[in-house]
Amino acid sequence: MSLASLIRGLVGCLVICWAAAEASAGLGRQQPPPPSSPPTRYDPDRTTCEAERIRSAFRQQLQPYGDQSDAVIAQLRLIQLDMTRSTLRRCVSRDLMTRPQADQLFQELSTSPTRP
């Protein structure tokens, strides 16, 4: 058997395997979207809305990602600030914290160091 015929055989096998894999994967068929699940909202309580507890959690949340690049940390920080803002809004809406307290705390956390 010559090298050329061996290569042709391997290429033919690869083409057949690729076509079979494509057919079994259903490429070209549209899959229905996964069922949506409603977002879970956690209602804060008096303990959750304590300023020191929020500060402590804020400092610790990004620690597991300390080995990531500055760009990744910056994106995570934006998400963290958005989630914290939502928590503070819920604390204010439930009269567990005053609006000035929430604003002051958010300002403090927003200007804290980005790196954990």
Protein backbone atom coordinates (compact mmCIF):
# COMPACT_ATOMS: atom_id res chain seq x y z
CA MET A 1 0.00 0.00 0.00
CA SER A 2 1.43 3.35 -1.00
CA LEU A 3 1.61 6.37 1.26
CA ALA A 4 -0.75 8.30 -1.03
CA SER A 5 -3.47 5.64 -0.82
CA LEU A 6 -3.06 5.47 2.96
CA ILE A 7 -3.51 9.25 3.24
CA ARG A 8 -6.57 9.12 0.93
CA GLY A 9 -8.04 6.40 3.13
CA LEU A 10 -7.44 8.42 6.31
CA VAL A 11 -8.91 11.57 4.77
CA GLY A 12 -11.96 9.61 3.61
CA CYS A 13 -12.39 8.18 7.11
CA LEU A 14 -12.11 11.64 8.66
CA VAL A 15 -14.71 13.06 6.27
CA ILE A 16 -17.14 10.25 7.09
CA CYS A 17 -16.54 10.64 10.85
CA TRP A 18 -17.00 14.41 10.61
CA ALA A 19 -20.26 14.04 8.66
CA ALA A 20 -21.56 11.50 11.18
CA ALA A 21 -20.65 13.74 14.11
CA GLU A 22 -22.36 16.69 12.44
CA ALA A 23 -25.51 14.69 11.82
CA SER A 24 -25.65 13.36 15.37
CA ALA A 25 -25.06 16.82 16.83
CA GLY A 26 -28.00 18.13 14.84
CA LEU A 27 -26.15 21.07 13.34
CA GLY A 28 -28.50 23.25 11.44
CA ARG A 29 -31.47 22.30 13.60
CA GLN A 30 -32.77 24.91 15.92
CA GLN A 31 -33.02 23.84 19.51
CA PRO A 32 -35.71 25.38 21.66
CA PRO A 33 -34.36 27.75 24.29
CA PRO A 34 -33.98 26.31 27.77
CA PRO A 35 -36.90 27.03 30.07
CA SER A 36 -36.46 30.32 31.81
CA SER A 37 -36.37 30.42 35.54
CA PRO A 38 -37.59 33.45 37.41
CA PRO A 39 -34.85 35.46 39.09
CA THR A 40 -34.65 34.93 42.81
CA ARG A 41 -34.87 38.04 44.94
CA TYR A 42 -33.68 37.76 48.47
CA ASP A 43 -35.43 40.08 50.85
CA PRO A 44 -32.93 41.55 53.26
CA ASP A 45 -33.45 41.48 56.99
CA ARG A 46 -32.03 43.74 59.68
CA THR A 47 -28.82 41.66 59.93
CA THR A 48 -28.24 41.71 56.16
CA CYS A 49 -28.56 45.50 56.11
CA GLU A 50 -25.98 46.20 58.82
CA ALA A 51 -23.38 48.51 57.28
CA GLU A 52 -20.43 46.61 58.77
CA ARG A 53 -21.73 43.28 57.46
CA ILE A 54 -22.10 44.76 53.97
CA ARG A 55 -18.57 46.26 54.15
CA SER A 56 -17.09 42.94 55.26
CA ALA A 57 -18.86 40.96 52.55
CA PHE A 58 -17.84 43.52 49.93
CA ARG A 59 -14.16 43.17 50.90
CA GLN A 60 -14.29 39.37 50.83
CA GLN A 61 -16.36 38.72 47.69
CA LEU A 62 -13.55 39.19 45.16
CA GLN A 63 -10.83 37.40 47.14
CA PRO A 64 -11.30 34.08 45.30
CA TYR A 65 -10.55 35.93 42.05
CA GLY A 66 -7.37 37.64 43.23
CA ASP A 67 -5.26 35.76 40.68
CA GLN A 68 -7.26 37.14 37.74
CA SER A 69 -6.17 39.97 35.46
CA ASP A 70 -6.99 43.60 36.21
CA ALA A 71 -9.57 43.57 33.40
CA VAL A 72 -11.40 40.59 34.92
CA ILE A 73 -11.31 42.13 38.40
CA ALA A 74 -12.67 45.41 36.97
CA GLN A 75 -15.62 43.59 35.35
CA LEU A 76 -16.32 41.62 38.52
CA ARG A 77 -16.16 44.84 40.50
CA LEU A 78 -18.84 46.41 38.29
CA ILE A 79 -21.10 43.42 38.89
CA GLN A 80 -20.33 43.55 42.62
CA LEU A 81 -21.21 47.26 42.80
CA ASP A 82 -24.45 46.70 40.89
CA MET A 83 -25.48 43.88 43.22
CA THR A 84 -24.56 45.95 46.27
CA ARG A 85 -26.57 48.89 44.97
CA SER A 86 -29.60 46.60 44.56
CA THR A 87 -29.18 45.27 48.09
CA LEU A 88 -28.95 48.78 49.51
CA ARG A 89 -32.07 49.83 47.61
CA ARG A 90 -33.98 46.89 49.08
CA CYS A 91 -32.67 47.76 52.55
CA VAL A 92 -33.96 51.33 52.14
CA SER A 93 -37.30 50.20 50.71
CA ARG A 94 -37.86 47.94 53.71
CA ASP A 95 -36.89 50.74 56.14
CA LEU A 96 -33.89 48.78 57.36
CA MET A 97 -31.51 51.59 56.44
CA THR A 98 -31.98 55.26 55.66
CA ARG A 99 -31.33 56.62 52.17
CA PRO A 100 -28.43 58.83 53.37
CA GLN A 101 -26.82 55.82 55.11
CA ALA A 102 -27.14 53.72 51.95
CA ASP A 103 -25.76 56.51 49.75
CA GLN A 104 -22.81 57.09 52.07
CA LEU A 105 -22.02 53.36 52.27
CA PHE A 106 -22.26 52.93 48.50
CA GLN A 107 -19.95 55.90 47.95
CA GLU A 108 -17.46 54.44 50.42
CA LEU A 109 -17.51 51.02 48.75
CA SER A 110 -17.30 52.53 45.26
CA THR A 111 -14.07 54.29 46.10
CA SER A 112 -12.47 51.39 47.98
CA PRO A 113 -9.48 49.58 46.40
CA THR A 114 -10.42 47.32 43.49
CA ARG A 115 -7.90 44.54 44.16
CA PRO A 116 -8.92 42.11 46.91
